[in-house]
Amino acid sequence: MKEKIEELQKKAESEKPSCNEAPKRKADAEVKRVPMDAMRRTISERMKLSWNSAPHVTENIKVDVTELLEWKDKLTKLTGHKFTMTDFIAKACIDAIKKTPTVNWSIDGDYIIQNKAINLGIAVAIENGLIVPNIKDAGEKTLLQISEAIKELGSRARENALMPEEITGGTFTITNLGMYGIESFTPIINPPESAILGVNAIRQEPAVKDGSICARSIMILSLSFDHRLIDGASAAVFLSDMKKILENPELLVL
């Protein structure tokens, strides 16, 4: 009997995991290790490059879009073309860039690239990631032309039918998470660009208008920028210009 007990003890000791060996768990069998696909690998590399090379700063501003929502509906009814909030934000962004062009520039080593053309990127969520087609020479286009370009590029992005030149050469990006109810976030700059505008959800908030308290439609814009090139004051001026334009929507069609 003594020999049997000693044999069982030795067997139990031999089956114990060593201090360098992690104990096996049932959950380990449920973990699946898969390689990144080409798109996720590209996104991963570009986001790492952006975050490690550009000192990100994000500024936020509240915008009252009550009149803009009414303007959008009126313009859609008048023209028969379905305008979206992204269309108006894109046009306001272009007009604000013209006043603060540094947000449209980029850095290449020890040089500043002063882009004259505004190639406006609109981030599009697709099944396996994110892609940013851009509208070439957006600063030369009307509100209607911008709206048509956004719709057309977005549709072809989701169909995986974009041309290489349509996803390269961008100078500024807009990314919109408002449809998911996000109220504020810190978008990561799309390199080699130096700024990106995040668009958030529209919420009803109490506000004072003409001496009375009333419900207003409020949206927050979040601008992330490369602080090596863009100063905080310049970013603030850009956002203030956007606020002024969006709160006076008649300026968008001038």
C-alpha atoms as a PDB file:
ATOM      1  CA  MET A   1       0.000   0.000   0.000  1.00  0.00           C
ATOM      2  CA  LYS A   2       2.842   2.414   0.890  1.00  0.00           C
ATOM      3  CA  GLU A   3       4.477   1.803  -2.477  1.00  0.00           C
ATOM      4  CA  LYS A   4       1.162   2.510  -4.258  1.00  0.00           C
ATOM      5  CA  ILE A   5       0.696   5.825  -2.425  1.00  0.00           C
ATOM      6  CA  GLU A   6       4.250   6.922  -3.284  1.00  0.00           C
ATOM      7  CA  GLU A   7       3.662   6.015  -6.923  1.00  0.00           C
ATOM      8  CA  LEU A   8       0.485   8.107  -7.062  1.00  0.00           C
ATOM      9  CA  GLN A   9       2.257  11.085  -5.426  1.00  0.00           C
ATOM     10  CA  LYS A  10       5.089  10.942  -7.964  1.00  0.00           C
ATOM     11  CA  LYS A  11       2.577  10.834 -10.811  1.00  0.00           C
ATOM     12  CA  ALA A  12       0.727  13.868  -9.428  1.00  0.00           C
ATOM     13  CA  GLU A  13       3.983  15.805  -9.071  1.00  0.00           C
ATOM     14  CA  SER A  14       4.991  15.020 -12.650  1.00  0.00           C
ATOM     15  CA  GLU A  15       1.663  16.311 -13.965  1.00  0.00           C
ATOM     16  CA  LYS A  16       1.964  19.705 -12.212  1.00  0.00           C
ATOM     17  CA  PRO A  17       2.802  22.612 -14.590  1.00  0.00           C
ATOM     18  CA  SER A  18       6.243  24.100 -14.078  1.00  0.00           C
ATOM     19  CA  CYS A  19       6.606  27.724 -12.980  1.00  0.00           C
ATOM     20  CA  ASN A  20       7.443  28.646 -16.601  1.00  0.00           C
ATOM     21  CA  GLU A  21       4.494  26.847 -18.079  1.00  0.00           C
ATOM     22  CA  ALA A  22       1.098  28.573 -18.153  1.00  0.00           C
ATOM     23  CA  PRO A  23      -1.733  26.356 -16.985  1.00  0.00           C
ATOM     24  CA  LYS A  24      -4.015  25.239 -19.763  1.00  0.00           C
ATOM     25  CA  ARG A  25      -7.516  26.665 -19.651  1.00  0.00           C
ATOM     26  CA  LYS A  26     -10.667  25.684 -21.429  1.00  0.00           C
ATOM     27  CA  ALA A  27     -10.973  29.232 -22.774  1.00  0.00           C
ATOM     28  CA  ASP A  28      -7.668  28.813 -24.675  1.00  0.00           C
ATOM     29  CA  ALA A  29      -9.360  26.370 -26.979  1.00  0.00           C
ATOM     30  CA  GLU A  30     -11.894  29.082 -27.917  1.00  0.00           C
ATOM     31  CA  VAL A  31      -9.242  31.649 -29.012  1.00  0.00           C
ATOM     32  CA  LYS A  32      -8.669  31.866 -32.754  1.00  0.00           C
ATOM     33  CA  ARG A  33      -5.533  33.536 -34.114  1.00  0.00           C
ATOM     34  CA  VAL A  34      -5.968  34.878 -37.651  1.00  0.00           C
ATOM     35  CA  PRO A  35      -3.699  37.048 -39.814  1.00  0.00           C
ATOM     36  CA  MET A  36      -4.777  40.588 -40.730  1.00  0.00           C
ATOM     37  CA  ASP A  37      -6.154  41.020 -44.216  1.00  0.00           C
ATOM     38  CA  ALA A  38      -4.465  43.539 -46.525  1.00  0.00           C
ATOM     39  CA  MET A  39      -6.844  46.394 -45.680  1.00  0.00           C
ATOM     40  CA  ARG A  40      -6.625  45.968 -41.897  1.00  0.00           C
ATOM     41  CA  ARG A  41      -2.830  45.717 -42.149  1.00  0.00           C
ATOM     42  CA  THR A  42      -2.704  48.970 -44.152  1.00  0.00           C
ATOM     43  CA  ILE A  43      -5.010  50.738 -41.672  1.00  0.00           C
ATOM     44  CA  SER A  44      -2.890  49.463 -38.776  1.00  0.00           C
ATOM     45  CA  GLU A  45       0.367  50.670 -40.318  1.00  0.00           C
ATOM     46  CA  ARG A  46      -1.003  54.104 -41.254  1.00  0.00           C
ATOM     47  CA  MET A  47      -2.615  54.741 -37.873  1.00  0.00           C
ATOM     48  CA  LYS A  48       0.601  53.728 -36.088  1.00  0.00           C
ATOM     49  CA  LEU A  49       2.608  56.030 -38.373  1.00  0.00           C
ATOM     50  CA  SER A  50       0.224  58.910 -37.731  1.00  0.00           C
ATOM     51  CA  TRP A  51       0.084  58.510 -33.958  1.00  0.00           C
ATOM     52  CA  ASN A  52       3.851  58.067 -33.563  1.00  0.00           C
ATOM     53  CA  SER A  53       4.941  60.875 -35.895  1.00  0.00           C
ATOM     54  CA  ALA A  54       2.376  63.656 -35.395  1.00  0.00           C
ATOM     55  CA  PRO A  55       1.705  65.221 -31.960  1.00  0.00           C
ATOM     56  CA  HIS A  56      -2.098  65.177 -31.997  1.00  0.00           C
ATOM     57  CA  VAL A  57      -4.174  67.918 -30.405  1.00  0.00           C
ATOM     58  CA  THR A  58      -7.971  67.962 -30.593  1.00  0.00           C
ATOM     59  CA  GLU A  59     -10.205  71.029 -30.219  1.00  0.00           C
ATOM     60  CA  ASN A  60     -14.006  70.922 -30.017  1.00  0.00           C
ATOM     61  CA  ILE A  61     -16.660  73.498 -30.763  1.00  0.00           C
ATOM     62  CA  LYS A  62     -20.449  73.497 -30.367  1.00  0.00           C
ATOM     63  CA  VAL A  63     -22.476  74.517 -33.410  1.00  0.00           C
ATOM     64  CA  ASP A  64     -26.180  75.415 -33.460  1.00  0.00           C
ATOM     65  CA  VAL A  65     -27.470  73.724 -36.627  1.00  0.00           C
ATOM     66  CA  THR A  66     -31.184  74.434 -36.089  1.00  0.00           C
ATOM     67  CA  GLU A  67     -31.442  76.775 -39.081  1.00  0.00           C
ATOM     68  CA  LEU A  68     -29.160  74.571 -41.169  1.00  0.00           C
ATOM     69  CA  LEU A  69     -31.492  71.578 -40.764  1.00  0.00           C
ATOM     70  CA  GLU A  70     -34.399  73.707 -41.969  1.00  0.00           C
ATOM     71  CA  TRP A  71     -32.284  75.066 -44.819  1.00  0.00           C
ATOM     72  CA  LYS A  72     -31.323  71.516 -45.863  1.00  0.00           C
ATOM     73  CA  ASP A  73     -34.951  70.426 -46.077  1.00  0.00           C
ATOM     74  CA  LYS A  74     -35.983  73.551 -48.002  1.00  0.00           C
ATOM     75  CA  LEU A  75     -33.123  73.209 -50.485  1.00  0.00           C
ATOM     76  CA  THR A  76     -33.892  69.521 -51.022  1.00  0.00           C
ATOM     77  CA  LYS A  77     -37.535  70.325 -51.722  1.00  0.00           C
ATOM     78  CA  LEU A  78     -36.656  73.245 -53.978  1.00  0.00           C
ATOM     79  CA  THR A  79     -34.073  71.426 -56.123  1.00  0.00           C
ATOM     80  CA  GLY A  80     -35.279  67.828 -55.973  1.00  0.00           C
ATOM     81  CA  HIS A  81     -31.759  66.794 -54.953  1.00  0.00           C
ATOM     82  CA  LYS A  82     -31.426  65.106 -51.558  1.00  0.00           C
ATOM     83  CA  PHE A  83     -28.829  67.050 -49.597  1.00  0.00           C
ATOM     84  CA  THR A  84     -27.285  65.641 -46.411  1.00  0.00           C
ATOM     85  CA  MET A  85     -25.649  67.326 -43.446  1.00  0.00           C
ATOM     86  CA  THR A  86     -22.290  65.983 -44.650  1.00  0.00           C
ATOM     87  CA  ASP A  87     -22.710  67.991 -47.860  1.00  0.00           C
ATOM     88  CA  PHE A  88     -23.117  71.251 -45.943  1.00  0.00           C
ATOM     89  CA  ILE A  89     -20.320  70.427 -43.505  1.00  0.00           C
ATOM     90  CA  ALA A  90     -17.999  69.636 -46.419  1.00  0.00           C
ATOM     91  CA  LYS A  91     -18.790  72.958 -48.133  1.00  0.00           C
ATOM     92  CA  ALA A  92     -18.335  74.887 -44.883  1.00  0.00           C
ATOM     93  CA  CYS A  93     -15.052  73.066 -44.308  1.00  0.00           C
ATOM     94  CA  ILE A  94     -13.787  74.057 -47.765  1.00  0.00           C
ATOM     95  CA  ASP A  95     -14.716  77.707 -47.201  1.00  0.00           C
ATOM     96  CA  ALA A  96     -13.005  77.685 -43.782  1.00  0.00           C
ATOM     97  CA  ILE A  97      -9.859  76.076 -45.245  1.00  0.00           C
ATOM     98  CA  LYS A  98      -9.595  78.958 -47.706  1.00  0.00           C
ATOM     99  CA  LYS A  99      -9.390  81.336 -44.732  1.00  0.00           C
ATOM    100  CA  THR A 100      -6.935  79.157 -42.754  1.00  0.00           C
ATOM    101  CA  PRO A 101      -4.944  77.291 -45.431  1.00  0.00           C
ATOM    102  CA  THR A 102      -2.409  75.833 -42.982  1.00  0.00           C
ATOM    103  CA  VAL A 103      -4.897  73.086 -42.053  1.00  0.00           C
ATOM    104  CA  ASN A 104      -4.613  71.943 -45.681  1.00  0.00           C
ATOM    105  CA  TRP A 105      -0.798  71.776 -45.640  1.00  0.00           C
ATOM    106  CA  SER A 106       1.464  68.883 -44.674  1.00  0.00           C
ATOM    107  CA  ILE A 107       5.009  68.142 -43.510  1.00  0.00           C
ATOM    108  CA  ASP A 108       7.623  66.232 -45.515  1.00  0.00           C
ATOM    109  CA  GLY A 109      10.815  65.895 -43.514  1.00  0.00           C
ATOM    110  CA  ASP A 110      12.113  69.414 -42.904  1.00  0.00           C
ATOM    111  CA  TYR A 111       9.775  70.925 -45.506  1.00  0.00           C
ATOM    112  CA  ILE A 112       6.235  72.286 -45.333  1.00  0.00           C
ATOM    113  CA  ILE A 113       4.099  71.314 -48.310  1.00  0.00           C
ATOM    114  CA  GLN A 114       1.754  74.231 -49.008  1.00  0.00           C
ATOM    115  CA  ASN A 115      -1.032  72.548 -50.967  1.00  0.00           C
ATOM    116  CA  LYS A 116      -3.015  74.982 -53.072  1.00  0.00           C
ATOM    117  CA  ALA A 117      -5.675  72.482 -54.164  1.00  0.00           C
ATOM    118  CA  ILE A 118      -8.180  71.263 -51.575  1.00  0.00           C
ATOM    119  CA  ASN A 119      -8.553  67.512 -52.102  1.00  0.00           C
ATOM    120  CA  LEU A 120     -11.239  66.784 -49.526  1.00  0.00           C
ATOM    121  CA  GLY A 121     -11.409  63.224 -48.177  1.00  0.00           C
ATOM    122  CA  ILE A 122     -14.670  61.777 -46.877  1.00  0.00           C
ATOM    123  CA  ALA A 123     -14.158  58.684 -44.704  1.00  0.00           C
ATOM    124  CA  VAL A 124     -16.421  55.784 -45.712  1.00  0.00           C
ATOM    125  CA  ALA A 125     -17.001  52.754 -43.495  1.00  0.00           C
ATOM    126  CA  ILE A 126     -16.988  49.521 -45.496  1.00  0.00           C
ATOM    127  CA  GLU A 127     -17.437  45.889 -44.518  1.00  0.00           C
ATOM    128  CA  ASN A 128     -13.826  45.162 -43.571  1.00  0.00           C
ATOM    129  CA  GLY A 129     -12.522  48.582 -42.588  1.00  0.00           C
ATOM    130  CA  LEU A 130     -12.423  52.203 -43.635  1.00  0.00           C
ATOM    131  CA  ILE A 131     -11.498  53.954 -46.854  1.00  0.00           C
ATOM    132  CA  VAL A 132     -11.106  57.655 -47.639  1.00  0.00           C
ATOM    133  CA  PRO A 133     -11.846  58.688 -51.227  1.00  0.00           C
ATOM    134  CA  ASN A 134     -11.210  62.358 -51.881  1.00  0.00           C
ATOM    135  CA  ILE A 135     -12.851  65.024 -54.012  1.00  0.00           C
ATOM    136  CA  LYS A 136     -10.146  66.581 -56.163  1.00  0.00           C
ATOM    137  CA  ASP A 137     -10.113  70.407 -56.354  1.00  0.00           C
ATOM    138  CA  ALA A 138     -13.108  70.611 -54.013  1.00  0.00           C
ATOM    139  CA  GLY A 139     -12.477  74.315 -53.565  1.00  0.00           C
ATOM    140  CA  GLU A 140     -13.633  74.908 -57.140  1.00  0.00           C
ATOM    141  CA  LYS A 141     -16.949  73.072 -56.766  1.00  0.00           C
ATOM    142  CA  THR A 142     -20.449  74.231 -55.869  1.00  0.00           C
ATOM    143  CA  LEU A 143     -22.520  72.787 -53.028  1.00  0.00           C
ATOM    144  CA  LEU A 144     -24.455  70.647 -55.510  1.00  0.00           C
ATOM    145  CA  GLN A 145     -21.292  69.341 -57.171  1.00  0.00           C
ATOM    146  CA  ILE A 146     -19.810  68.473 -53.775  1.00  0.00           C
ATOM    147  CA  SER A 147     -22.995  66.641 -52.787  1.00  0.00           C
ATOM    148  CA  GLU A 148     -22.994  64.642 -56.014  1.00  0.00           C
ATOM    149  CA  ALA A 149     -19.312  63.761 -55.629  1.00  0.00           C
ATOM    150  CA  ILE A 150     -19.786  62.573 -52.025  1.00  0.00           C
ATOM    151  CA  LYS A 151     -22.662  60.310 -53.035  1.00  0.00           C
ATOM    152  CA  GLU A 152     -20.878  58.913 -56.070  1.00  0.00           C
ATOM    153  CA  LEU A 153     -17.556  58.234 -54.319  1.00  0.00           C
ATOM    154  CA  GLY A 154     -19.309  56.747 -51.295  1.00  0.00           C
ATOM    155  CA  SER A 155     -21.327  54.382 -53.464  1.00  0.00           C
ATOM    156  CA  ARG A 156     -18.290  53.155 -55.384  1.00  0.00           C
ATOM    157  CA  ALA A 157     -16.283  52.835 -52.158  1.00  0.00           C
ATOM    158  CA  ARG A 158     -18.861  50.395 -50.793  1.00  0.00           C
ATOM    159  CA  GLU A 159     -18.755  48.501 -54.095  1.00  0.00           C
ATOM    160  CA  ASN A 160     -14.936  48.318 -53.999  1.00  0.00           C
ATOM    161  CA  ALA A 161     -14.845  50.157 -57.323  1.00  0.00           C
ATOM    162  CA  LEU A 162     -12.641  53.170 -56.581  1.00  0.00           C
ATOM    163  CA  MET A 163      -9.660  54.076 -58.740  1.00  0.00           C
ATOM    164  CA  PRO A 164      -6.195  54.375 -57.078  1.00  0.00           C
ATOM    165  CA  GLU A 165      -6.048  58.128 -57.759  1.00  0.00           C
ATOM    166  CA  GLU A 166      -9.327  58.593 -55.886  1.00  0.00           C
ATOM    167  CA  ILE A 167      -7.858  57.346 -52.585  1.00  0.00           C
ATOM    168  CA  THR A 168      -4.496  59.115 -52.835  1.00  0.00           C
ATOM    169  CA  GLY A 169      -3.482  62.760 -52.817  1.00  0.00           C
ATOM    170  CA  GLY A 170      -5.942  63.900 -50.142  1.00  0.00           C
ATOM    171  CA  THR A 171      -5.143  67.076 -48.192  1.00  0.00           C
ATOM    172  CA  PHE A 172      -7.857  67.146 -45.496  1.00  0.00           C
ATOM    173  CA  THR A 173     -10.327  64.539 -44.199  1.00  0.00           C
ATOM    174  CA  ILE A 174     -13.829  64.585 -42.717  1.00  0.00           C
ATOM    175  CA  THR A 175     -15.011  61.610 -40.670  1.00  0.00           C
ATOM    176  CA  ASN A 176     -18.604  61.411 -39.433  1.00  0.00           C
ATOM    177  CA  LEU A 177     -19.726  59.267 -36.477  1.00  0.00           C
ATOM    178  CA  GLY A 178     -22.866  61.269 -35.794  1.00  0.00           C
ATOM    179  CA  MET A 179     -25.143  58.561 -37.157  1.00  0.00           C
ATOM    180  CA  TYR A 180     -23.935  56.285 -34.317  1.00  0.00           C
ATOM    181  CA  GLY A 181     -24.875  58.797 -31.626  1.00  0.00           C
ATOM    182  CA  ILE A 182     -21.270  59.734 -30.811  1.00  0.00           C
ATOM    183  CA  GLU A 183     -21.120  63.172 -29.169  1.00  0.00           C
ATOM    184  CA  SER A 184     -17.338  63.722 -29.143  1.00  0.00           C
ATOM    185  CA  PHE A 185     -14.237  61.807 -30.214  1.00  0.00           C
ATOM    186  CA  THR A 186     -10.581  62.226 -31.153  1.00  0.00           C
ATOM    187  CA  PRO A 187     -10.110  61.359 -34.828  1.00  0.00           C
ATOM    188  CA  ILE A 188      -6.620  60.254 -35.879  1.00  0.00           C
ATOM    189  CA  ILE A 189      -4.979  62.244 -38.676  1.00  0.00           C
ATOM    190  CA  ASN A 190      -4.830  60.533 -42.068  1.00  0.00           C
ATOM    191  CA  PRO A 191      -1.134  60.835 -43.076  1.00  0.00           C
ATOM    192  CA  PRO A 192       0.448  62.700 -44.765  1.00  0.00           C
ATOM    193  CA  GLU A 193      -2.345  65.198 -44.001  1.00  0.00           C
ATOM    194  CA  SER A 194      -2.113  67.465 -40.962  1.00  0.00           C
ATOM    195  CA  ALA A 195      -5.734  67.764 -39.852  1.00  0.00           C
ATOM    196  CA  ILE A 196      -8.972  65.815 -39.715  1.00  0.00           C
ATOM    197  CA  LEU A 197     -12.478  66.963 -38.776  1.00  0.00           C
ATOM    198  CA  GLY A 198     -14.713  64.712 -36.696  1.00  0.00           C
ATOM    199  CA  VAL A 199     -18.482  65.216 -37.014  1.00  0.00           C
ATOM    200  CA  ASN A 200     -20.667  64.222 -34.067  1.00  0.00           C
ATOM    201  CA  ALA A 201     -24.342  63.577 -33.388  1.00  0.00           C
ATOM    202  CA  ILE A 202     -26.943  66.339 -33.320  1.00  0.00           C
ATOM    203  CA  ARG A 203     -28.636  66.702 -29.930  1.00  0.00           C
ATOM    204  CA  GLN A 204     -31.503  68.822 -28.655  1.00  0.00           C
ATOM    205  CA  GLU A 205     -30.260  71.194 -25.948  1.00  0.00           C
ATOM    206  CA  PRO A 206     -31.800  74.154 -24.120  1.00  0.00           C
ATOM    207  CA  ALA A 207     -30.403  77.489 -25.298  1.00  0.00           C
ATOM    208  CA  VAL A 208     -31.172  81.196 -25.044  1.00  0.00           C
ATOM    209  CA  LYS A 209     -32.436  82.655 -28.316  1.00  0.00           C
ATOM    210  CA  ASP A 210     -33.636  86.260 -28.529  1.00  0.00           C
ATOM    211  CA  GLY A 211     -33.963  86.385 -24.738  1.00  0.00           C
ATOM    212  CA  SER A 212     -36.028  83.185 -24.455  1.00  0.00           C
ATOM    213  CA  ILE A 213     -35.073  79.635 -23.513  1.00  0.00           C
ATOM    214  CA  CYS A 214     -35.869  77.137 -26.252  1.00  0.00           C
ATOM    215  CA  ALA A 215     -34.726  73.779 -27.620  1.00  0.00           C
ATOM    216  CA  ARG A 216     -31.987  74.005 -30.252  1.00  0.00           C
ATOM    217  CA  SER A 217     -30.230  71.398 -32.403  1.00  0.00           C
ATOM    218  CA  ILE A 218     -26.581  71.337 -31.312  1.00  0.00           C
ATOM    219  CA  MET A 219     -23.663  69.469 -32.882  1.00  0.00           C
ATOM    220  CA  ILE A 220     -20.032  69.255 -31.762  1.00  0.00           C
ATOM    221  CA  LEU A 221     -17.192  69.385 -34.298  1.00  0.00           C
ATOM    222  CA  SER A 222     -13.861  67.826 -33.261  1.00  0.00           C
ATOM    223  CA  LEU A 223     -10.703  68.930 -35.068  1.00  0.00           C
ATOM    224  CA  SER A 224      -7.509  66.902 -34.572  1.00  0.00           C
ATOM    225  CA  PHE A 225      -4.366  68.502 -35.944  1.00  0.00           C
ATOM    226  CA  ASP A 226      -0.597  68.069 -36.120  1.00  0.00           C
ATOM    227  CA  HIS A 227       0.772  70.564 -33.598  1.00  0.00           C
ATOM    228  CA  ARG A 228       4.145  70.644 -35.362  1.00  0.00           C
ATOM    229  CA  LEU A 229       2.531  72.577 -38.199  1.00  0.00           C
ATOM    230  CA  ILE A 230      -0.770  73.969 -36.915  1.00  0.00           C
ATOM    231  CA  ASP A 231      -0.938  76.200 -33.862  1.00  0.00           C
ATOM    232  CA  GLY A 232      -3.836  75.993 -31.435  1.00  0.00           C
ATOM    233  CA  ALA A 233      -4.968  79.506 -32.335  1.00  0.00           C
ATOM    234  CA  SER A 234      -5.051  78.695 -36.061  1.00  0.00           C
ATOM    235  CA  ALA A 235      -7.138  75.583 -35.388  1.00  0.00           C
ATOM    236  CA  ALA A 236      -9.485  77.659 -33.216  1.00  0.00           C
ATOM    237  CA  VAL A 237      -9.928  80.231 -35.984  1.00  0.00           C
ATOM    238  CA  PHE A 238     -10.725  77.446 -38.451  1.00  0.00           C
ATOM    239  CA  LEU A 239     -13.388  75.978 -36.152  1.00  0.00           C
ATOM    240  CA  SER A 240     -14.834  79.419 -35.408  1.00  0.00           C
ATOM    241  CA  ASP A 241     -15.174  80.083 -39.136  1.00  0.00           C
ATOM    242  CA  MET A 242     -16.933  76.746 -39.593  1.00  0.00           C
ATOM    243  CA  LYS A 243     -19.316  77.590 -36.761  1.00  0.00           C
ATOM    244  CA  LYS A 244     -20.127  80.974 -38.300  1.00  0.00           C
ATOM    245  CA  ILE A 245     -20.793  79.460 -41.733  1.00  0.00           C
ATOM    246  CA  LEU A 246     -22.939  76.579 -40.470  1.00  0.00           C
ATOM    247  CA  GLU A 247     -24.992  78.845 -38.229  1.00  0.00           C
ATOM    248  CA  ASN A 248     -25.610  81.168 -41.189  1.00  0.00           C
ATOM    249  CA  PRO A 249     -26.374  78.612 -43.925  1.00  0.00           C
ATOM    250  CA  GLU A 250     -27.125  81.270 -46.563  1.00  0.00           C
ATOM    251  CA  LEU A 251     -23.323  81.743 -46.696  1.00  0.00           C
ATOM    252  CA  LEU A 252     -22.991  78.228 -48.133  1.00  0.00           C
ATOM    253  CA  VAL A 253     -24.559  79.132 -51.465  1.00  0.00           C
ATOM    254  CA  LEU A 254     -22.799  82.456 -51.985  1.00  0.00           C
END
